[in-house]
């Protein structure tokens, strides 16, 4: 079944806030056929579901200069706000108190809205279709 996977910056613009997402080191897929069989990814999804934290697959920051293959990144639908209980729960799961990652090969990223807005022109109707014609 096909599905659209939105870029993390597009998600930030749609939410109009800073966003968080998880990415996996490419080396983790060694021994796995693909990210779909990555045990740590499924562990994270199971935890998010058990904690009733919404998530969706997401692509890396959009670029007009190159295309990146999807490697299992996950957008986590909590605001990047240290005062938000959902964010605190997510941060505690992924990070030690000093900010280092608890799960080897997994990184929790923060994308500020200001950075996502640098690609606001991507949201103009027909932008990507015109881009593809000139690719």
Protein backbone atom coordinates (compact mmCIF):
# COMPACT_ATOMS: atom_id res chain seq x y z
CA UNK A 1 0.00 0.00 0.00
CA UNK A 2 1.43 3.37 -0.95
CA UNK A 3 1.40 6.31 1.42
CA UNK A 4 2.67 9.85 1.53
CA UNK A 5 5.42 10.52 4.03
CA UNK A 6 5.68 14.23 4.80
CA UNK A 7 8.95 16.07 5.40
CA UNK A 8 9.57 17.09 9.01
CA UNK A 9 9.76 20.77 8.06
CA UNK A 10 6.33 20.55 6.38
CA UNK A 11 4.94 19.01 9.58
CA UNK A 12 6.42 21.87 11.62
CA UNK A 13 4.84 24.47 9.36
CA UNK A 14 1.49 22.71 9.50
CA UNK A 15 1.65 22.50 13.31
CA UNK A 16 3.08 26.05 13.54
CA UNK A 17 5.54 24.98 16.24
CA UNK A 18 8.89 23.39 16.92
CA UNK A 19 8.74 19.63 16.31
CA UNK A 20 10.64 16.54 17.41
CA UNK A 21 11.49 13.41 15.49
CA UNK A 22 13.61 10.29 15.76
CA UNK A 23 16.16 9.14 13.20
CA UNK A 24 18.20 5.97 13.00
CA UNK A 25 21.87 5.57 12.15
CA UNK A 26 22.19 3.92 8.71
CA UNK A 27 24.45 1.25 10.22
CA UNK A 28 21.55 -0.13 12.24
CA UNK A 29 20.04 -1.74 9.17
CA UNK A 30 23.06 -4.02 8.73
CA UNK A 31 21.74 -7.52 9.19
CA UNK A 32 18.20 -6.28 8.52
CA UNK A 33 16.79 -6.18 5.04
CA UNK A 34 15.28 -2.75 5.61
CA UNK A 35 14.19 -0.24 8.25
CA UNK A 36 10.82 -2.03 8.40
CA UNK A 37 12.52 -4.89 10.23
CA UNK A 38 14.55 -2.71 12.57
CA UNK A 39 13.85 -4.05 16.10
CA UNK A 40 14.68 -0.76 17.88
CA UNK A 41 12.24 1.12 15.63
CA UNK A 42 9.46 -1.30 16.51
CA UNK A 43 10.39 -1.02 20.20
CA UNK A 44 10.00 2.78 19.96
CA UNK A 45 6.67 2.50 18.14
CA UNK A 46 5.41 0.03 20.74
CA UNK A 47 6.43 2.41 23.54
CA UNK A 48 4.80 5.42 21.86
CA UNK A 49 1.59 3.45 21.34
CA UNK A 50 1.61 2.16 24.95
CA UNK A 51 2.06 5.75 26.21
CA UNK A 52 -0.70 6.97 23.87
CA UNK A 53 1.69 9.38 22.15
CA UNK A 54 0.76 10.09 18.54
CA UNK A 55 3.42 9.53 15.89
CA UNK A 56 3.76 9.19 12.14
CA UNK A 57 6.57 8.40 9.71
CA UNK A 58 8.34 11.52 8.47
CA UNK A 59 11.03 12.34 5.95
CA UNK A 60 14.11 14.41 6.75
CA UNK A 61 14.23 18.16 6.13
CA UNK A 62 13.21 18.80 2.51
CA UNK A 63 15.89 19.87 0.05
CA UNK A 64 15.63 21.14 -3.50
CA UNK A 65 19.19 19.97 -4.17
CA UNK A 66 18.97 16.28 -3.34
CA UNK A 67 16.57 13.53 -2.36
CA UNK A 68 17.08 11.32 0.68
CA UNK A 69 15.81 7.80 0.95
CA UNK A 70 13.37 7.15 3.80
CA UNK A 71 15.13 5.39 6.67
CA UNK A 72 12.32 4.92 9.15
CA UNK A 73 12.26 8.39 10.76
CA UNK A 74 9.37 9.02 13.15
CA UNK A 75 7.70 12.33 13.93
CA UNK A 76 6.52 12.41 17.56
CA UNK A 77 3.49 14.61 18.09
CA UNK A 78 4.49 16.47 21.24
CA UNK A 79 5.58 20.12 21.36
CA UNK A 80 9.27 20.76 21.97
CA UNK A 81 8.60 22.35 25.33
CA UNK A 82 10.41 21.29 28.52
CA UNK A 83 7.29 22.27 30.49
CA UNK A 84 5.02 19.94 28.49
CA UNK A 85 4.44 16.60 30.28
CA UNK A 86 4.35 14.69 26.97
CA UNK A 87 7.65 16.15 25.85
CA UNK A 88 9.25 15.43 29.23
CA UNK A 89 8.12 11.80 28.96
CA UNK A 90 9.56 11.49 25.44
CA UNK A 91 12.84 13.18 26.38
CA UNK A 92 13.26 10.92 29.43
CA UNK A 93 12.71 7.83 27.26
CA UNK A 94 15.27 8.85 24.64
CA UNK A 95 17.85 10.86 26.61
CA UNK A 96 19.90 10.58 29.74
CA UNK A 97 19.82 13.71 31.97
CA UNK A 98 23.02 14.97 30.29
CA UNK A 99 21.34 14.87 26.85
CA UNK A 100 23.12 11.80 25.48
CA UNK A 101 20.97 9.16 23.83
CA UNK A 102 19.81 6.09 25.76
CA UNK A 103 19.23 3.95 22.67
CA UNK A 104 22.33 3.21 20.57
CA UNK A 105 21.98 4.34 16.97
CA UNK A 106 18.86 6.42 17.70
CA UNK A 107 18.80 10.23 17.84
CA UNK A 108 15.98 12.48 19.02
CA UNK A 109 15.99 15.69 16.98
CA UNK A 110 14.41 19.09 17.55
CA UNK A 111 13.48 21.16 14.49
CA UNK A 112 12.66 24.79 15.33
CA UNK A 113 9.74 26.36 13.51
CA UNK A 114 12.05 29.16 12.33
CA UNK A 115 14.14 26.59 10.45
CA UNK A 116 11.05 24.87 9.04
CA UNK A 117 9.83 28.23 7.74
CA UNK A 118 12.88 28.57 5.48
CA UNK A 119 11.10 26.07 3.21
CA UNK A 120 7.68 27.76 3.33
CA UNK A 121 7.83 28.27 -0.45
CA UNK A 122 7.54 24.47 -0.79
CA UNK A 123 3.91 24.80 0.33
CA UNK A 124 2.92 26.89 -2.69
CA UNK A 125 0.49 24.98 -4.96
CA UNK A 126 2.36 23.09 -7.66
CA UNK A 127 5.84 23.77 -6.23
CA UNK A 128 7.02 20.15 -6.23
CA UNK A 129 5.44 19.41 -9.61
CA UNK A 130 7.33 22.35 -11.16
CA UNK A 131 10.49 21.25 -9.34
CA UNK A 132 10.15 17.70 -10.74
CA UNK A 133 9.80 19.01 -14.30
CA UNK A 134 13.21 20.66 -13.98
CA UNK A 135 14.89 17.82 -12.09
